Amino acid sequence: MAIVDKALRKKLPSLAVDFFIAFSRFECAMKRSGVYARGDDTVVEPDWDRLSLDLGDGFLASVIEKGVASVLISAPPKKQIRQSDGSLGWRDPVPVTTTLGLFLAIRLVD
């Protein structure tokens, strides 16, 4: 087990660590593919928007039909924001009605 993995498991629930590891690997694979990466020679990030467009909303329908990600769909996470006074706050979630919305919810969890 990697040193980071051991350190994280001491502080976080195992399921949270597993999610973080899987999510990180998936984003890395997206960027390595070249197809689902955006950026330039200074910054590269996964292109979730393109992936969601390529998958289409049939993907969300399949996720709902299989009962996967039901919590993310029924109670999406709030988004952390900086308020006008500089303090941190939370914005109410947008309902998950598209594949892009599902991917936005997943990224907010991470």
PDB file of N, CA and C in Angstrom:
ATOM      1  N   MET A   1       0.848  -1.180   0.000  1.00  0.00           N
ATOM      2  CA  MET A   1       0.000   0.000   0.000  1.00  0.00           C
ATOM      3  C   MET A   1       0.894   1.245   0.000  1.00  0.00           C
ATOM      4  N   ALA A   2       0.555   2.205  -0.814  1.00  0.00           N
ATOM      5  CA  ALA A   2       1.357   3.421  -0.931  1.00  0.00           C
ATOM      6  C   ALA A   2       1.313   4.224   0.366  1.00  0.00           C
ATOM      7  N   ILE A   3       2.349   4.996   0.587  1.00  0.00           N
ATOM      8  CA  ILE A   3       2.449   5.818   1.803  1.00  0.00           C
ATOM      9  C   ILE A   3       1.276   6.779   1.904  1.00  0.00           C
ATOM     10  N   VAL A   4       0.928   7.425   0.787  1.00  0.00           N
ATOM     11  CA  VAL A   4      -0.192   8.373   0.788  1.00  0.00           C
ATOM     12  C   VAL A   4      -1.484   7.646   1.123  1.00  0.00           C
ATOM     13  N   ASP A   5      -1.672   6.476   0.537  1.00  0.00           N
ATOM     14  CA  ASP A   5      -2.869   5.678   0.783  1.00  0.00           C
ATOM     15  C   ASP A   5      -2.998   5.366   2.276  1.00  0.00           C
ATOM     16  N   LYS A   6      -1.907   4.941   2.893  1.00  0.00           N
ATOM     17  CA  LYS A   6      -1.933   4.631   4.324  1.00  0.00           C
ATOM     18  C   LYS A   6      -2.273   5.870   5.151  1.00  0.00           C
ATOM     19  N   ALA A   7      -1.676   6.994   4.802  1.00  0.00           N
ATOM     20  CA  ALA A   7      -1.927   8.233   5.549  1.00  0.00           C
ATOM     21  C   ALA A   7      -3.384   8.665   5.409  1.00  0.00           C
ATOM     22  N   LEU A   8      -3.912   8.583   4.202  1.00  0.00           N
ATOM     23  CA  LEU A   8      -5.305   8.975   3.986  1.00  0.00           C
ATOM     24  C   LEU A   8      -6.258   8.075   4.756  1.00  0.00           C
ATOM     25  N   ARG A   9      -6.000   6.787   4.764  1.00  0.00           N
ATOM     26  CA  ARG A   9      -6.900   5.834   5.427  1.00  0.00           C
ATOM     27  C   ARG A   9      -6.927   6.034   6.940  1.00  0.00           C
ATOM     28  N   LYS A  10      -5.894   6.639   7.505  1.00  0.00           N
ATOM     29  CA  LYS A  10      -5.903   6.931   8.935  1.00  0.00           C
ATOM     30  C   LYS A  10      -6.848   8.077   9.262  1.00  0.00           C
ATOM     31  N   LYS A  11      -7.075   8.964   8.285  1.00  0.00           N
ATOM     32  CA  LYS A  11      -7.863  10.171   8.522  1.00  0.00           C
ATOM     33  C   LYS A  11      -9.267  10.111   7.918  1.00  0.00           C
ATOM     34  N   LEU A  12      -9.436   9.317   6.849  1.00  0.00           N
ATOM     35  CA  LEU A  12     -10.696   9.309   6.103  1.00  0.00           C
ATOM     36  C   LEU A  12     -11.299   7.910   6.055  1.00  0.00           C
ATOM     37  N   PRO A  13     -12.613   7.830   5.871  1.00  0.00           N
ATOM     38  CA  PRO A  13     -13.228   6.513   5.688  1.00  0.00           C
ATOM     39  C   PRO A  13     -12.659   5.832   4.441  1.00  0.00           C
ATOM     40  N   SER A  14     -12.549   4.533   4.491  1.00  0.00           N
ATOM     41  CA  SER A  14     -11.967   3.768   3.387  1.00  0.00           C
ATOM     42  C   SER A  14     -12.694   4.025   2.069  1.00  0.00           C
ATOM     43  N   LEU A  15     -14.016   4.146   2.108  1.00  0.00           N
ATOM     44  CA  LEU A  15     -14.780   4.386   0.880  1.00  0.00           C
ATOM     45  C   LEU A  15     -14.405   5.727   0.250  1.00  0.00           C
ATOM     46  N   ALA A  16     -14.160   6.742   1.076  1.00  0.00           N
ATOM     47  CA  ALA A  16     -13.761   8.058   0.555  1.00  0.00           C
ATOM     48  C   ALA A  16     -12.398   7.968  -0.119  1.00  0.00           C
ATOM     49  N   VAL A  17     -11.479   7.230   0.472  1.00  0.00           N
ATOM     50  CA  VAL A  17     -10.148   7.063  -0.118  1.00  0.00           C
ATOM     51  C   VAL A  17     -10.253   6.294  -1.433  1.00  0.00           C
ATOM     52  N   ASP A  18     -11.068   5.244  -1.442  1.00  0.00           N
ATOM     53  CA  ASP A  18     -11.250   4.471  -2.669  1.00  0.00           C
ATOM     54  C   ASP A  18     -11.812   5.347  -3.786  1.00  0.00           C
ATOM     55  N   PHE A  19     -12.793   6.199  -3.453  1.00  0.00           N
ATOM     56  CA  PHE A  19     -13.366   7.103  -4.447  1.00  0.00           C
ATOM     57  C   PHE A  19     -12.299   8.056  -4.976  1.00  0.00           C
ATOM     58  N   PHE A  20     -11.532   8.647  -4.076  1.00  0.00           N
ATOM     59  CA  PHE A  20     -10.489   9.584  -4.471  1.00  0.00           C
ATOM     60  C   PHE A  20      -9.482   8.930  -5.414  1.00  0.00           C
ATOM     61  N   ILE A  21      -9.069   7.710  -5.098  1.00  0.00           N
ATOM     62  CA  ILE A  21      -8.089   6.999  -5.925  1.00  0.00           C
ATOM     63  C   ILE A  21      -8.685   6.697  -7.298  1.00  0.00           C
ATOM     64  N   ALA A  22      -9.906   6.176  -7.335  1.00  0.00           N
ATOM     65  CA  ALA A  22     -10.536   5.839  -8.615  1.00  0.00           C
ATOM     66  C   ALA A  22     -10.768   7.090  -9.457  1.00  0.00           C
ATOM     67  N   PHE A  23     -11.232   8.159  -8.819  1.00  0.00           N
ATOM     68  CA  PHE A  23     -11.495   9.409  -9.527  1.00  0.00           C
ATOM     69  C   PHE A  23     -10.196   9.971 -10.110  1.00  0.00           C
ATOM     70  N   SER A  24      -9.144   9.964  -9.331  1.00  0.00           N
ATOM     71  CA  SER A  24      -7.851  10.468  -9.807  1.00  0.00           C
ATOM     72  C   SER A  24      -7.330   9.668 -10.987  1.00  0.00           C
ATOM     73  N   ARG A  25      -7.456   8.356 -10.907  1.00  0.00           N
ATOM     74  CA  ARG A  25      -7.003   7.502 -12.012  1.00  0.00           C
ATOM     75  C   ARG A  25      -7.830   7.747 -13.263  1.00  0.00           C
ATOM     76  N   PHE A  26      -9.144   7.931 -13.095  1.00  0.00           N
ATOM     77  CA  PHE A  26     -10.011   8.170 -14.242  1.00  0.00           C
ATOM     78  C   PHE A  26      -9.649   9.494 -14.915  1.00  0.00           C
ATOM     79  N   GLU A  27      -9.442  10.544 -14.117  1.00  0.00           N
ATOM     80  CA  GLU A  27      -9.062  11.840 -14.696  1.00  0.00           C
ATOM     81  C   GLU A  27      -7.717  11.746 -15.409  1.00  0.00           C
ATOM     82  N   CYS A  28      -6.794  11.008 -14.852  1.00  0.00           N
ATOM     83  CA  CYS A  28      -5.491  10.827 -15.498  1.00  0.00           C
ATOM     84  C   CYS A  28      -5.662  10.117 -16.841  1.00  0.00           C
ATOM     85  N   ALA A  29      -6.495   9.084 -16.872  1.00  0.00           N
ATOM     86  CA  ALA A  29      -6.742   8.357 -18.123  1.00  0.00           C
ATOM     87  C   ALA A  29      -7.403   9.272 -19.155  1.00  0.00           C
ATOM     88  N   MET A  30      -8.308  10.124 -18.718  1.00  0.00           N
ATOM     89  CA  MET A  30      -8.947  11.069 -19.639  1.00  0.00           C
ATOM     90  C   MET A  30      -7.897  11.969 -20.277  1.00  0.00           C
ATOM     91  N   LYS A  31      -6.999  12.505 -19.454  1.00  0.00           N
ATOM     92  CA  LYS A  31      -5.973  13.413 -19.968  1.00  0.00           C
ATOM     93  C   LYS A  31      -4.989  12.674 -20.876  1.00  0.00           C
ATOM     94  N   ARG A  32      -4.586  11.477 -20.487  1.00  0.00           N
ATOM     95  CA  ARG A  32      -3.633  10.713 -21.296  1.00  0.00           C
ATOM     96  C   ARG A  32      -4.209  10.330 -22.649  1.00  0.00           C
ATOM     97  N   SER A  33      -5.531  10.175 -22.717  1.00  0.00           N
ATOM     98  CA  SER A  33      -6.154   9.792 -23.994  1.00  0.00           C
ATOM     99  C   SER A  33      -5.954  10.873 -25.044  1.00  0.00           C
ATOM    100  N   GLY A  34      -5.805  12.106 -24.598  1.00  0.00           N
ATOM    101  CA  GLY A  34      -5.687  13.220 -25.521  1.00  0.00           C
ATOM    102  C   GLY A  34      -7.030  13.694 -26.031  1.00  0.00           C
ATOM    103  N   VAL A  35      -7.992  12.795 -26.109  1.00  0.00           N
ATOM    104  CA  VAL A  35      -9.325  13.133 -26.603  1.00  0.00           C
ATOM    105  C   VAL A  35     -10.097  13.939 -25.558  1.00  0.00           C
ATOM    106  N   TYR A  36      -9.934  13.557 -24.301  1.00  0.00           N
ATOM    107  CA  TYR A  36     -10.689  14.191 -23.219  1.00  0.00           C
ATOM    108  C   TYR A  36      -9.774  15.022 -22.322  1.00  0.00           C
ATOM    109  N   ALA A  37      -8.909  15.789 -22.967  1.00  0.00           N
ATOM    110  CA  ALA A  37      -8.006  16.696 -22.262  1.00  0.00           C
ATOM    111  C   ALA A  37      -8.118  18.071 -22.902  1.00  0.00           C
ATOM    112  N   ARG A  38      -8.022  19.085 -22.094  1.00  0.00           N
ATOM    113  CA  ARG A  38      -7.989  20.449 -22.621  1.00  0.00           C
ATOM    114  C   ARG A  38      -6.920  21.210 -21.861  1.00  0.00           C
ATOM    115  N   GLY A  39      -6.408  22.240 -22.496  1.00  0.00           N
ATOM    116  CA  GLY A  39      -5.375  23.035 -21.872  1.00  0.00           C
ATOM    117  C   GLY A  39      -4.268  23.349 -22.856  1.00  0.00           C
ATOM    118  N   ASP A  40      -3.136  23.732 -22.288  1.00  0.00           N
ATOM    119  CA  ASP A  40      -1.990  24.100 -23.114  1.00  0.00           C
ATOM    120  C   ASP A  40      -0.722  23.574 -22.463  1.00  0.00           C
ATOM    121  N   ASP A  41       0.415  24.182 -22.788  1.00  0.00           N
ATOM    122  CA  ASP A  41       1.684  23.671 -22.256  1.00  0.00           C
ATOM    123  C   ASP A  41       1.918  24.048 -20.792  1.00  0.00           C
ATOM    124  N   THR A  42       0.991  24.799 -20.183  1.00  0.00           N
ATOM    125  CA  THR A  42       1.150  25.150 -18.771  1.00  0.00           C
ATOM    126  C   THR A  42       0.145  24.440 -17.872  1.00  0.00           C
ATOM    127  N   VAL A  43      -1.041  24.155 -18.405  1.00  0.00           N
ATOM    128  CA  VAL A  43      -2.090  23.510 -17.612  1.00  0.00           C
ATOM    129  C   VAL A  43      -2.861  22.545 -18.508  1.00  0.00           C
ATOM    130  N   VAL A  44      -3.102  21.352 -17.994  1.00  0.00           N
ATOM    131  CA  VAL A  44      -3.967  20.405 -18.700  1.00  0.00           C
ATOM    132  C   VAL A  44      -4.977  19.881 -17.696  1.00  0.00           C
ATOM    133  N   GLU A  45      -6.218  19.742 -18.143  1.00  0.00           N
ATOM    134  CA  GLU A  45      -7.261  19.233 -17.260  1.00  0.00           C
ATOM    135  C   GLU A  45      -8.199  18.337 -18.058  1.00  0.00           C
ATOM    136  N   PRO A  46      -8.903  17.443 -17.356  1.00  0.00           N
ATOM    137  CA  PRO A  46      -9.826  16.565 -18.070  1.00  0.00           C
ATOM    138  C   PRO A  46     -10.985  17.372 -18.659  1.00  0.00           C
ATOM    139  N   ASP A  47     -11.415  16.977 -19.835  1.00  0.00           N
ATOM    140  CA  ASP A  47     -12.511  17.669 -20.511  1.00  0.00           C
ATOM    141  C   ASP A  47     -13.822  16.915 -20.261  1.00  0.00           C
ATOM    142  N   TRP A  48     -14.390  17.154 -19.086  1.00  0.00           N
ATOM    143  CA  TRP A  48     -15.631  16.500 -18.683  1.00  0.00           C
ATOM    144  C   TRP A  48     -16.788  16.895 -19.595  1.00  0.00           C
ATOM    145  N   ASP A  49     -16.785  18.135 -20.071  1.00  0.00           N
ATOM    146  CA  ASP A  49     -17.873  18.588 -20.939  1.00  0.00           C
ATOM    147  C   ASP A  49     -17.906  17.765 -22.228  1.00  0.00           C
ATOM    148  N   ARG A  50     -16.751  17.558 -22.832  1.00  0.00           N
ATOM    149  CA  ARG A  50     -16.699  16.782 -24.070  1.00  0.00           C
ATOM    150  C   ARG A  50     -17.110  15.333 -23.832  1.00  0.00           C
ATOM    151  N   LEU A  51     -16.634  14.747 -22.731  1.00  0.00           N
ATOM    152  CA  LEU A  51     -17.010  13.377 -22.412  1.00  0.00           C
ATOM    153  C   LEU A  51     -18.518  13.262 -22.239  1.00  0.00           C
ATOM    154  N   SER A  52     -19.116  14.216 -21.539  1.00  0.00           N
ATOM    155  CA  SER A  52     -20.569  14.147 -21.319  1.00  0.00           C
ATOM    156  C   SER A  52     -21.331  14.307 -22.632  1.00  0.00           C
ATOM    157  N   LEU A  53     -20.844  15.165 -23.525  1.00  0.00           N
ATOM    158  CA  LEU A  53     -21.491  15.316 -24.834  1.00  0.00           C
ATOM    159  C   LEU A  53     -21.370  14.035 -25.656  1.00  0.00           C
ATOM    160  N   ASP A  54     -20.179  13.412 -25.616  1.00  0.00           N
ATOM    161  CA  ASP A  54     -19.973  12.176 -26.370  1.00  0.00           C
ATOM    162  C   ASP A  54     -20.839  11.036 -25.833  1.00  0.00           C
ATOM    163  N   LEU A  55     -20.997  10.967 -24.519  1.00  0.00           N
ATOM    164  CA  LEU A  55     -21.822   9.913 -23.926  1.00  0.00           C
ATOM    165  C   LEU A  55     -23.308  10.180 -24.142  1.00  0.00           C
ATOM    166  N   GLY A  56     -23.685  11.453 -24.140  1.00  0.00           N
ATOM    167  CA  GLY A  56     -25.087  11.826 -24.316  1.00  0.00           C
ATOM    168  C   GLY A  56     -25.915  11.554 -23.064  1.00  0.00           C
ATOM    169  N   ASP A  57     -27.150  12.005 -23.104  1.00  0.00           N
ATOM    170  CA  ASP A  57     -28.004  11.854 -21.930  1.00  0.00           C
ATOM    171  C   ASP A  57     -28.537  10.435 -21.756  1.00  0.00           C
ATOM    172  N   GLY A  58     -28.318   9.585 -22.760  1.00  0.00           N
ATOM    173  CA  GLY A  58     -28.626   8.166 -22.585  1.00  0.00           C
ATOM    174  C   GLY A  58     -27.789   7.553 -21.474  1.00  0.00           C
ATOM    175  N   PHE A  59     -26.601   8.111 -21.275  1.00  0.00           N
ATOM    176  CA  PHE A  59     -25.741   7.625 -20.184  1.00  0.00           C
ATOM    177  C   PHE A  59     -26.412   7.868 -18.841  1.00  0.00           C
ATOM    178  N   LEU A  60     -26.946   9.078 -18.641  1.00  0.00           N
ATOM    179  CA  LEU A  60     -27.642   9.374 -17.382  1.00  0.00           C
ATOM    180  C   LEU A  60     -28.853   8.463 -17.220  1.00  0.00           C
ATOM    181  N   ALA A  61     -29.602   8.255 -18.294  1.00  0.00           N
ATOM    182  CA  ALA A  61     -30.770   7.367 -18.227  1.00  0.00           C
ATOM    183  C   ALA A  61     -30.357   5.966 -17.794  1.00  0.00           C
ATOM    184  N   SER A  62     -29.227   5.494 -18.290  1.00  0.00           N
ATOM    185  CA  SER A  62     -28.716   4.173 -17.920  1.00  0.00           C
ATOM    186  C   SER A  62     -28.308   4.137 -16.447  1.00  0.00           C
ATOM    187  N   VAL A  63     -27.666   5.196 -15.991  1.00  0.00           N
ATOM    188  CA  VAL A  63     -27.255   5.284 -14.579  1.00  0.00           C
ATOM    189  C   VAL A  63     -28.487   5.243 -13.680  1.00  0.00           C
ATOM    190  N   ILE A  64     -29.520   5.986 -14.049  1.00  0.00           N
ATOM    191  CA  ILE A  64     -30.753   6.018 -13.265  1.00  0.00           C
ATOM    192  C   ILE A  64     -31.424   4.648 -13.283  1.00  0.00           C
ATOM    193  N   GLU A  65     -31.508   4.036 -14.458  1.00  0.00           N
ATOM    194  CA  GLU A  65     -32.147   2.723 -14.599  1.00  0.00           C
ATOM    195  C   GLU A  65     -31.452   1.664 -13.752  1.00  0.00           C
ATOM    196  N   LYS A  66     -30.124   1.736 -13.670  1.00  0.00           N
ATOM    197  CA  LYS A  66     -29.357   0.746 -12.908  1.00  0.00           C
ATOM    198  C   LYS A  66     -29.319   1.067 -11.418  1.00  0.00           C
ATOM    199  N   GLY A  67     -29.821   2.233 -11.018  1.00  0.00           N
ATOM    200  CA  GLY A  67     -29.823   2.605  -9.606  1.00  0.00           C
ATOM    201  C   GLY A  67     -28.451   3.006  -9.089  1.00  0.00           C
ATOM    202  N   VAL A  68     -27.577   3.376 -10.010  1.00  0.00           N
ATOM    203  CA  VAL A  68     -26.228   3.789  -9.637  1.00  0.00           C
ATOM    204  C   VAL A  68     -26.235   5.299  -9.402  1.00  0.00           C
ATOM    205  N   ALA A  69     -25.497   5.764  -8.437  1.00  0.00           N
ATOM    206  CA  ALA A  69     -25.356   7.194  -8.151  1.00  0.00           C
ATOM    207  C   ALA A  69     -26.671   7.833  -7.732  1.00  0.00           C
ATOM    208  N   SER A  70     -27.542   7.072  -7.095  1.00  0.00           N
ATOM    209  CA  SER A  70     -28.857   7.596  -6.725  1.00  0.00           C
ATOM    210  C   SER A  70     -28.762   8.772  -5.758  1.00  0.00           C
ATOM    211  N   VAL A  71     -27.794   8.757  -4.856  1.00  0.00           N
ATOM    212  CA  VAL A  71     -27.641   9.871  -3.914  1.00  0.00           C
ATOM    213  C   VAL A  71     -27.208  11.136  -4.649  1.00  0.00           C
ATOM    214  N   LEU A  72     -26.262  10.999  -5.577  1.00  0.00           N
ATOM    215  CA  LEU A  72     -25.819  12.165  -6.348  1.00  0.00           C
ATOM    216  C   LEU A  72     -26.965  12.759  -7.162  1.00  0.00           C
ATOM    217  N   ILE A  73     -27.834  11.909  -7.654  1.00  0.00           N
ATOM    218  CA  ILE A  73     -28.939  12.382  -8.480  1.00  0.00           C
ATOM    219  C   ILE A  73     -30.060  12.972  -7.631  1.00  0.00           C
ATOM    220  N   SER A  74     -30.383  12.327  -6.519  1.00  0.00           N
ATOM    221  CA  SER A  74     -31.498  12.806  -5.696  1.00  0.00           C
ATOM    222  C   SER A  74     -31.101  13.943  -4.751  1.00  0.00           C
ATOM    223  N   ALA A  75     -29.848  13.991  -4.364  1.00  0.00           N
ATOM    224  CA  ALA A  75     -29.381  15.035  -3.437  1.00  0.00           C
ATOM    225  C   ALA A  75     -27.981  15.483  -3.836  1.00  0.00           C
ATOM    226  N   PRO A  76     -27.856  16.185  -4.973  1.00  0.00           N
ATOM    227  CA  PRO A  76     -26.520  16.602  -5.419  1.00  0.00           C
ATOM    228  C   PRO A  76     -25.852  17.520  -4.398  1.00  0.00           C
ATOM    229  N   PRO A  77     -24.521  17.513  -4.370  1.00  0.00           N
ATOM    230  CA  PRO A  77     -23.797  18.324  -3.385  1.00  0.00           C
ATOM    231  C   PRO A  77     -23.898  19.817  -3.697  1.00  0.00           C
ATOM    232  N   LYS A  78     -23.803  20.606  -2.636  1.00  0.00           N
ATOM    233  CA  LYS A  78     -23.747  22.060  -2.807  1.00  0.00           C
ATOM    234  C   LYS A  78     -22.367  22.434  -3.323  1.00  0.00           C
ATOM    235  N   LYS A  79     -22.283  23.610  -3.933  1.00  0.00           N
ATOM    236  CA  LYS A  79     -21.010  24.106  -4.460  1.00  0.00           C
ATOM    237  C   LYS A  79     -20.456  25.150  -3.501  1.00  0.00           C
ATOM    238  N   GLN A  80     -19.197  25.006  -3.128  1.00  0.00           N
ATOM    239  CA  GLN A  80     -18.573  25.996  -2.257  1.00  0.00           C
ATOM    240  C   GLN A  80     -18.219  27.227  -3.079  1.00  0.00           C
ATOM    241  N   ILE A  81     -18.534  28.391  -2.527  1.00  0.00           N
ATOM    242  CA  ILE A  81     -18.304  29.653  -3.221  1.00  0.00           C
ATOM    243  C   ILE A  81     -17.639  30.648  -2.280  1.00  0.00           C
ATOM    244  N   ARG A  82     -17.064  31.675  -2.875  1.00  0.00           N
ATOM    245  CA  ARG A  82     -16.550  32.801  -2.097  1.00  0.00           C
ATOM    246  C   ARG A  82     -17.614  33.885  -2.158  1.00  0.00           C
ATOM    247  N   GLN A  83     -18.047  34.334  -0.993  1.00  0.00           N
ATOM    248  CA  GLN A  83     -19.098  35.341  -0.921  1.00  0.00           C
ATOM    249  C   GLN A  83     -18.508  36.734  -1.119  1.00  0.00           C
ATOM    250  N   SER A  84     -19.374  37.712  -1.302  1.00  0.00           N
ATOM    251  CA  SER A  84     -18.918  39.072  -1.610  1.00  0.00           C
ATOM    252  C   SER A  84     -18.015  39.645  -0.522  1.00  0.00           C
ATOM    253  N   ASP A  85     -18.168  39.185   0.721  1.00  0.00           N
ATOM    254  CA  ASP A  85     -17.315  39.673   1.801  1.00  0.00           C
ATOM    255  C   ASP A  85     -16.005  38.884   1.924  1.00  0.00           C
ATOM    256  N   GLY A  86     -15.795  37.932   1.015  1.00  0.00           N
ATOM    257  CA  GLY A  86     -14.564  37.150   1.018  1.00  0.00           C
ATOM    258  C   GLY A  86     -14.659  35.847   1.797  1.00  0.00           C
ATOM    259  N   SER A  87     -15.723  35.666   2.567  1.00  0.00           N
ATOM    260  CA  SER A  87     -15.871  34.429   3.336  1.00  0.00           C
ATOM    261  C   SER A  87     -16.380  33.309   2.430  1.00  0.00           C
ATOM    262  N   LEU A  88     -16.253  32.083   2.927  1.00  0.00           N
ATOM    263  CA  LEU A  88     -16.724  30.936   2.162  1.00  0.00           C
ATOM    264  C   LEU A  88     -18.189  30.678   2.467  1.00  0.00           C
ATOM    265  N   GLY A  89     -18.901  30.233   1.464  1.00  0.00           N
ATOM    266  CA  GLY A  89     -20.305  29.891   1.628  1.00  0.00           C
ATOM    267  C   GLY A  89     -20.658  28.739   0.710  1.00  0.00           C
ATOM    268  N   TRP A  90     -21.933  28.440   0.630  1.00  0.00           N
ATOM    269  CA  TRP A  90     -22.400  27.314  -0.178  1.00  0.00           C
ATOM    270  C   TRP A  90     -23.555  27.743  -1.059  1.00  0.00           C
ATOM    271  N   ARG A  91     -23.539  27.295  -2.295  1.00  0.00           N
ATOM    272  CA  ARG A  91     -24.634  27.544  -3.239  1.00  0.00           C
ATOM    273  C   ARG A  91     -25.454  26.261  -3.337  1.00  0.00           C
ATOM    274  N   ASP A  92     -26.773  26.419  -3.331  1.00  0.00           N
ATOM    275  CA  ASP A  92     -27.645  25.259  -3.451  1.00  0.00           C
ATOM    276  C   ASP A  92     -27.354  24.506  -4.744  1.00  0.00           C
ATOM    277  N   PRO A  93     -27.545  23.195  -4.721  1.00  0.00           N
ATOM    278  CA  PRO A  93     -27.221  22.395  -5.907  1.00  0.00           C
ATOM    279  C   PRO A  93     -28.210  22.597  -7.045  1.00  0.00           C
ATOM    280  N   VAL A  94     -27.714  22.355  -8.229  1.00  0.00           N
ATOM    281  CA  VAL A  94     -28.548  22.343  -9.428  1.00  0.00           C
ATOM    282  C   VAL A  94     -29.036  20.898  -9.589  1.00  0.00           C
ATOM    283  N   PRO A  95     -30.304  20.677  -9.872  1.00  0.00           N
ATOM    284  CA  PRO A  95     -30.783  19.297 -10.055  1.00  0.00           C
ATOM    285  C   PRO A  95     -30.026  18.592 -11.180  1.00  0.00           C
ATOM    286  N   VAL A  96     -29.779  17.315 -10.994  1.00  0.00           N
ATOM    287  CA  VAL A  96     -29.085  16.509 -12.002  1.00  0.00           C
ATOM    288  C   VAL A  96     -30.123  16.017 -13.016  1.00  0.00           C
ATOM    289  N   THR A  97     -30.097  16.601 -14.204  1.00  0.00           N
ATOM    290  CA  THR A  97     -31.053  16.228 -15.253  1.00  0.00           C
ATOM    291  C   THR A  97     -30.361  15.853 -16.560  1.00  0.00           C
ATOM    292  N   THR A  98     -29.028  15.964 -16.598  1.00  0.00           N
ATOM    293  CA  THR A  98     -28.253  15.641 -17.797  1.00  0.00           C
ATOM    294  C   THR A  98     -26.988  14.901 -17.376  1.00  0.00           C
ATOM    295  N   THR A  99     -26.330  14.293 -18.357  1.00  0.00           N
ATOM    296  CA  THR A  99     -25.052  13.642 -18.077  1.00  0.00           C
ATOM    297  C   THR A  99     -24.030  14.667 -17.594  1.00  0.00           C
ATOM    298  N   LEU A 100     -24.020  15.842 -18.202  1.00  0.00           N
ATOM    299  CA  LEU A 100     -23.114  16.894 -17.748  1.00  0.00           C
ATOM    300  C   LEU A 100     -23.398  17.246 -16.292  1.00  0.00           C
ATOM    301  N   GLY A 101     -24.659  17.354 -15.926  1.00  0.00           N
ATOM    302  CA  GLY A 101     -25.028  17.638 -14.532  1.00  0.00           C
ATOM    303  C   GLY A 101     -24.538  16.561 -13.582  1.00  0.00           C
ATOM    304  N   LEU A 102     -24.607  15.310 -14.012  1.00  0.00           N
ATOM    305  CA  LEU A 102     -24.108  14.211 -13.188  1.00  0.00           C
ATOM    306  C   LEU A 102     -22.603  14.349 -12.981  1.00  0.00           C
ATOM    307  N   PHE A 103     -21.873  14.651 -14.059  1.00  0.00           N
ATOM    308  CA  PHE A 103     -20.425  14.815 -13.941  1.00  0.00           C
ATOM    309  C   PHE A 103     -20.068  16.031 -13.096  1.00  0.00           C
ATOM    310  N   LEU A 104     -20.853  17.080 -13.149  1.00  0.00           N
ATOM    311  CA  LEU A 104     -20.621  18.236 -12.278  1.00  0.00           C
ATOM    312  C   LEU A 104     -20.785  17.834 -10.819  1.00  0.00           C
ATOM    313  N   ALA A 105     -21.819  17.066 -10.527  1.00  0.00           N
ATOM    314  CA  ALA A 105     -22.044  16.601  -9.152  1.00  0.00           C
ATOM    315  C   ALA A 105     -20.882  15.734  -8.667  1.00  0.00           C
ATOM    316  N   ILE A 106     -20.406  14.849  -9.536  1.00  0.00           N
ATOM    317  CA  ILE A 106     -19.281  13.983  -9.158  1.00  0.00           C
ATOM    318  C   ILE A 106     -18.050  14.815  -8.850  1.00  0.00           C
ATOM    319  N   ARG A 107     -17.796  15.833  -9.675  1.00  0.00           N
ATOM    320  CA  ARG A 107     -16.614  16.681  -9.451  1.00  0.00           C
ATOM    321  C   ARG A 107     -16.738  17.496  -8.168  1.00  0.00           C
ATOM    322  N   LEU A 108     -17.950  17.854  -7.785  1.00  0.00           N
ATOM    323  CA  LEU A 108     -18.113  18.590  -6.531  1.00  0.00           C
ATOM    324  C   LEU A 108     -17.806  17.724  -5.329  1.00  0.00           C
ATOM    325  N   VAL A 109     -18.065  16.415  -5.428  1.00  0.00           N
ATOM    326  CA  VAL A 109     -17.745  15.491  -4.345  1.00  0.00           C
ATOM    327  C   VAL A 109     -16.242  15.413  -4.168  1.00  0.00           C
ATOM    328  N   ASP A 110     -15.522  15.380  -5.291  1.00  0.00           N
ATOM    329  CA  ASP A 110     -14.071  15.269  -5.235  1.00  0.00           C
ATOM    330  C   ASP A 110     -13.530  16.539  -4.647  1.00  0.00           C
TER     331      ASP A 110
END
